[in-house]
Protein backbone atom coordinates (compact mmCIF):
# COMPACT_ATOMS: atom_id res chain seq x y z
CA UNK A 1 -50.15 24.46 -29.77
CA UNK A 2 -48.42 27.37 -29.48
CA UNK A 3 -44.71 27.95 -29.21
CA UNK A 4 -43.67 28.78 -25.37
CA UNK A 5 -41.18 31.60 -24.99
CA UNK A 6 -38.52 30.70 -22.59
CA UNK A 7 -39.81 32.93 -20.07
CA UNK A 8 -43.17 30.79 -19.99
CA UNK A 9 -41.49 27.50 -20.09
CA UNK A 10 -42.70 25.29 -17.47
CA UNK A 11 -40.65 23.99 -14.21
CA UNK A 12 -39.82 21.20 -16.27
CA UNK A 13 -37.45 23.47 -18.55
CA UNK A 14 -36.28 25.63 -15.47
CA UNK A 15 -34.82 22.46 -14.37
CA UNK A 16 -33.00 22.10 -17.70
CA UNK A 17 -31.91 25.33 -17.74
CA UNK A 18 -30.06 24.85 -13.99
CA UNK A 19 -28.89 21.51 -15.93
CA UNK A 20 -26.97 23.40 -18.47
CA UNK A 21 -25.56 25.68 -16.33
CA UNK A 22 -23.53 22.96 -14.77
CA UNK A 23 -23.18 21.03 -17.82
CA UNK A 24 -22.04 23.49 -20.65
CA UNK A 25 -21.60 20.71 -23.19
CA UNK A 26 -25.03 19.81 -23.27
CA UNK A 27 -25.96 23.40 -24.81
CA UNK A 28 -23.67 22.74 -27.86
CA UNK A 29 -26.79 22.03 -30.05
CA UNK A 30 -30.44 21.18 -30.11
CA UNK A 31 -32.07 19.46 -28.52
CA UNK A 32 -31.18 19.47 -24.61
CA UNK A 33 -33.30 16.81 -23.49
CA UNK A 34 -34.57 13.49 -25.11
CA UNK A 35 -38.06 11.81 -24.30
CA UNK A 36 -39.41 8.42 -25.09
CA UNK A 37 -43.04 8.62 -25.64
CA UNK A 38 -45.95 6.19 -25.28
CA UNK A 39 -49.36 7.11 -25.72
CA UNK A 40 -52.90 5.63 -25.51
CA UNK A 41 -55.83 7.35 -27.39
CA UNK A 42 -59.01 6.29 -25.29
CA UNK A 43 -62.77 6.01 -26.92
CA UNK A 44 -65.90 5.83 -25.77
CA UNK A 45 -69.07 4.98 -27.57
CA UNK A 46 -67.12 5.20 -30.79
CA UNK A 47 -65.92 8.60 -30.05
CA UNK A 48 -62.35 9.73 -29.15
CA UNK A 49 -62.57 10.97 -25.40
CA UNK A 50 -58.55 10.98 -24.17
CA UNK A 51 -55.33 10.86 -24.73
CA UNK A 52 -52.67 9.45 -22.07
CA UNK A 53 -48.90 9.80 -22.27
CA UNK A 54 -46.00 8.39 -20.69
CA UNK A 55 -42.83 10.36 -21.08
CA UNK A 56 -39.40 8.47 -20.01
CA UNK A 57 -36.68 11.37 -19.79
CA UNK A 58 -32.91 10.67 -20.73
CA UNK A 59 -30.46 9.77 -18.37
CA UNK A 60 -28.89 13.16 -17.62
CA UNK A 61 -32.23 15.04 -17.10
CA UNK A 62 -33.53 12.09 -14.88
CA UNK A 63 -30.34 12.17 -12.86
CA UNK A 64 -30.82 16.13 -12.26
CA UNK A 65 -34.40 15.99 -11.60
CA UNK A 66 -34.02 13.50 -8.86
CA UNK A 67 -30.99 14.78 -7.08
CA UNK A 68 -31.23 14.97 -3.27
CA UNK A 69 -34.92 14.08 -3.40
CA UNK A 70 -34.49 10.75 -1.86
CA UNK A 71 -32.24 8.86 0.33
CA UNK A 72 -29.05 6.98 -1.28
CA UNK A 73 -30.17 3.79 -2.55
CA UNK A 74 -33.78 4.69 -2.59
CA UNK A 75 -36.01 5.74 -5.20
CA UNK A 76 -37.87 8.91 -5.97
CA UNK A 77 -41.72 8.13 -5.41
CA UNK A 78 -44.78 9.74 -6.83
CA UNK A 79 -45.50 11.23 -3.27
CA UNK A 80 -42.00 12.87 -3.29
CA UNK A 81 -42.34 14.27 -6.87
CA UNK A 82 -45.89 15.33 -6.61
CA UNK A 83 -44.82 19.24 -5.82
CA UNK A 84 -42.89 19.14 -9.11
CA UNK A 85 -45.63 17.08 -10.85
CA UNK A 86 -48.16 19.81 -10.08
CA UNK A 87 -45.97 22.75 -11.29
CA UNK A 88 -45.11 20.79 -14.52
CA UNK A 89 -48.59 19.90 -15.08
CA UNK A 90 -49.87 23.51 -14.66
CA UNK A 91 -46.96 24.93 -16.78
CA UNK A 92 -47.19 22.38 -19.57
CA UNK A 93 -50.99 23.15 -19.53
CA UNK A 94 -50.41 26.62 -20.94
CA UNK A 95 -48.31 25.22 -23.78
CA UNK A 96 -51.11 22.18 -24.44
CA UNK A 97 -48.75 19.58 -23.21
CA UNK A 98 -46.73 19.65 -26.44
CA UNK A 99 -49.71 17.55 -27.93
CA UNK A 100 -51.56 18.37 -31.14
CA UNK A 101 -54.52 16.12 -32.00
CA UNK A 102 -56.17 16.74 -35.17
CA UNK A 103 -59.67 15.30 -35.95
CA UNK A 104 -61.36 16.29 -39.32
CA UNK A 105 -58.36 18.62 -39.95
CA UNK A 106 -59.02 20.60 -36.86
CA UNK A 107 -56.95 20.60 -33.52
CA UNK A 108 -59.28 19.61 -30.72
CA UNK A 109 -59.09 21.16 -27.38
CA UNK A 110 -58.46 19.38 -24.05
CA UNK A 111 -60.04 19.95 -20.54
CA UNK A 112 -58.48 21.21 -17.83
CA UNK A 113 -55.81 18.50 -15.95
CA UNK A 114 -57.14 17.57 -12.82
CA UNK A 115 -55.25 15.96 -9.43
CA UNK A 116 -54.80 12.46 -10.27
CA UNK A 117 -54.45 12.80 -13.87
CA UNK A 118 -50.80 13.10 -13.63
CA UNK A 119 -47.74 11.90 -11.49
CA UNK A 120 -43.91 11.71 -11.94
CA UNK A 121 -41.67 9.06 -10.62
CA UNK A 122 -38.29 7.45 -10.57
CA UNK A 123 -38.33 3.81 -12.27
CA UNK A 124 -36.06 1.20 -11.35
CA UNK A 125 -33.58 1.91 -13.88
CA UNK A 126 -33.48 5.51 -12.50
CA UNK A 127 -35.02 7.03 -15.47
CA UNK A 128 -37.73 9.79 -14.63
CA UNK A 129 -41.43 9.03 -16.04
CA UNK A 130 -44.23 11.81 -16.27
CA UNK A 131 -47.71 10.40 -16.85
CA UNK A 132 -50.72 12.75 -17.67
CA UNK A 133 -54.37 11.89 -19.01
CA UNK A 134 -55.56 14.57 -21.42
CA UNK A 135 -59.68 14.30 -21.78
CA UNK A 136 -61.11 16.25 -24.65
CA UNK A 137 -63.72 18.93 -23.92
CA UNK A 138 -65.63 17.25 -26.45
CA UNK A 139 -65.90 13.58 -27.35
CA UNK A 140 -65.30 13.60 -31.21
CA UNK A 141 -66.02 11.22 -33.85
CA UNK A 142 -62.79 9.68 -35.50
CA UNK A 143 -63.81 9.86 -39.14
CA UNK A 144 -61.54 8.07 -41.68
CA UNK A 145 -58.26 9.06 -39.84
CA UNK A 146 -56.99 11.65 -37.37
CA UNK A 147 -53.46 12.59 -36.21
CA UNK A 148 -51.61 12.91 -32.99
CA UNK A 149 -48.41 14.98 -32.79
CA UNK A 150 -46.03 15.27 -29.57
CA UNK A 151 -43.47 17.81 -30.45
CA UNK A 152 -41.80 20.83 -28.61
CA UNK A 153 -41.90 23.50 -31.76
CA UNK A 154 -38.52 25.09 -30.76
CA UNK A 155 -36.83 21.66 -30.64
CA UNK A 156 -35.53 22.28 -27.19
CA UNK A 157 -36.86 18.99 -26.05
CA UNK A 158 -36.73 15.87 -28.62
CA UNK A 159 -39.79 13.89 -28.26
CA UNK A 160 -39.47 10.17 -29.95
CA UNK A 161 -42.48 7.61 -30.06
CA UNK A 162 -41.17 4.02 -28.11
CA UNK A 163 -39.69 1.75 -30.91
CA UNK A 164 -41.73 -1.19 -29.13
CA UNK A 165 -44.83 0.25 -27.85
CA UNK A 166 -45.48 3.60 -29.20
CA UNK A 167 -49.28 4.07 -29.27
CA UNK A 168 -52.40 1.82 -28.29
CA UNK A 169 -55.94 2.41 -28.95
CA UNK A 170 -58.30 1.68 -25.88
CA UNK A 171 -61.82 0.57 -26.66
CA UNK A 172 -61.51 1.81 -30.50
CA UNK A 173 -64.44 0.67 -32.47
CA UNK A 174 -63.40 -2.34 -34.72
CA UNK A 175 -61.22 -1.99 -37.29
CA UNK A 176 -59.43 1.00 -35.95
CA UNK A 177 -55.66 0.86 -36.28
CA UNK A 178 -52.59 3.10 -35.56
CA UNK A 179 -49.44 3.56 -37.46
CA UNK A 180 -46.17 5.98 -36.98
CA UNK A 181 -45.37 8.30 -39.60
CA UNK A 182 -41.60 9.41 -39.13
CA UNK A 183 -40.11 12.68 -40.62
CA UNK A 184 -37.74 12.48 -43.31
CA UNK A 185 -34.20 12.12 -42.22
CA UNK A 186 -31.99 15.04 -42.42
CA UNK A 187 -28.96 15.00 -44.79
CA UNK A 188 -25.53 15.04 -42.92
CA UNK A 189 -25.14 18.93 -43.84
CA UNK A 190 -28.23 19.91 -42.36
CA UNK A 191 -27.84 18.10 -39.54
CA UNK A 192 -24.53 19.72 -38.44
CA UNK A 193 -26.61 23.09 -38.79
CA UNK A 194 -28.42 22.30 -35.50
CA UNK A 195 -26.36 24.54 -33.37
CA UNK A 196 -27.56 27.28 -30.79
CA UNK A 197 -27.15 30.12 -33.51
CA UNK A 198 -29.07 28.34 -36.02
CA UNK A 199 -32.26 28.18 -33.66
CA UNK A 200 -31.47 31.45 -32.16
CA UNK A 201 -31.62 33.01 -35.79
CA UNK A 202 -35.00 31.04 -36.70
CA UNK A 203 -37.95 33.42 -37.21
CA UNK A 204 -40.79 33.35 -34.71
CA UNK A 205 -43.33 30.74 -35.73
CA UNK A 206 -40.86 28.65 -37.75
CA UNK A 207 -41.86 25.41 -35.48
CA UNK A 208 -38.77 23.64 -36.57
CA UNK A 209 -39.64 21.01 -33.88
CA UNK A 210 -42.67 19.94 -35.57
CA UNK A 211 -40.28 19.08 -38.86
CA UNK A 212 -38.50 16.50 -36.76
CA UNK A 213 -41.32 14.97 -35.21
CA UNK A 214 -43.13 11.67 -35.81
CA UNK A 215 -46.66 11.45 -35.99
CA UNK A 216 -49.51 8.86 -35.10
CA UNK A 217 -51.77 8.32 -37.69
CA UNK A 218 -55.15 6.44 -36.70
CA UNK A 219 -57.41 5.29 -39.42
CA UNK A 220 -61.08 3.94 -38.81
CA UNK A 221 -63.08 2.15 -41.04
């Protein structure tokens, strides 16, 4: 997965940029948006065939994304969100949906996401969720273990796996299990360095966001 330059960021980030223009305080430090992740790894005939994500956005982004899209008191439905979901799906495809699935030490490739594989909607708690099904171009044997990473290398968006329902294995071979490997916490002094100037001065390819991200480790007998 490659780091995306600001000019190539998807509609998701264009909305974020507009949000920041109206709320300068948000830009004090990275990250700017927080996403809670629930993922499923799908198997068929003993091989890994898909990764499904459900991303729940934070209150500030959700409020901005839904502004003016529905009548007062009504939720923004999938149908209303369809044009934005389509644009996000296309833009996110260019950067691999912030998803790195490594099997046998190598990142696998996902096929094109089709209509019906993605949607957005506003939940009853008024948080926006984005759903996407990613299908591997070629089904892959899991081996003894493989890893799943969901992260923005620039740390513009902070992806965190749900504490209670982070990962599910669907139709996995008997004995396969999943666990979450969390990154080492930053010391207080290092945490204070996460300012805009810090990220502006990072060398290209530093991929700081990867260092801050949790990983799913799937082990199979």
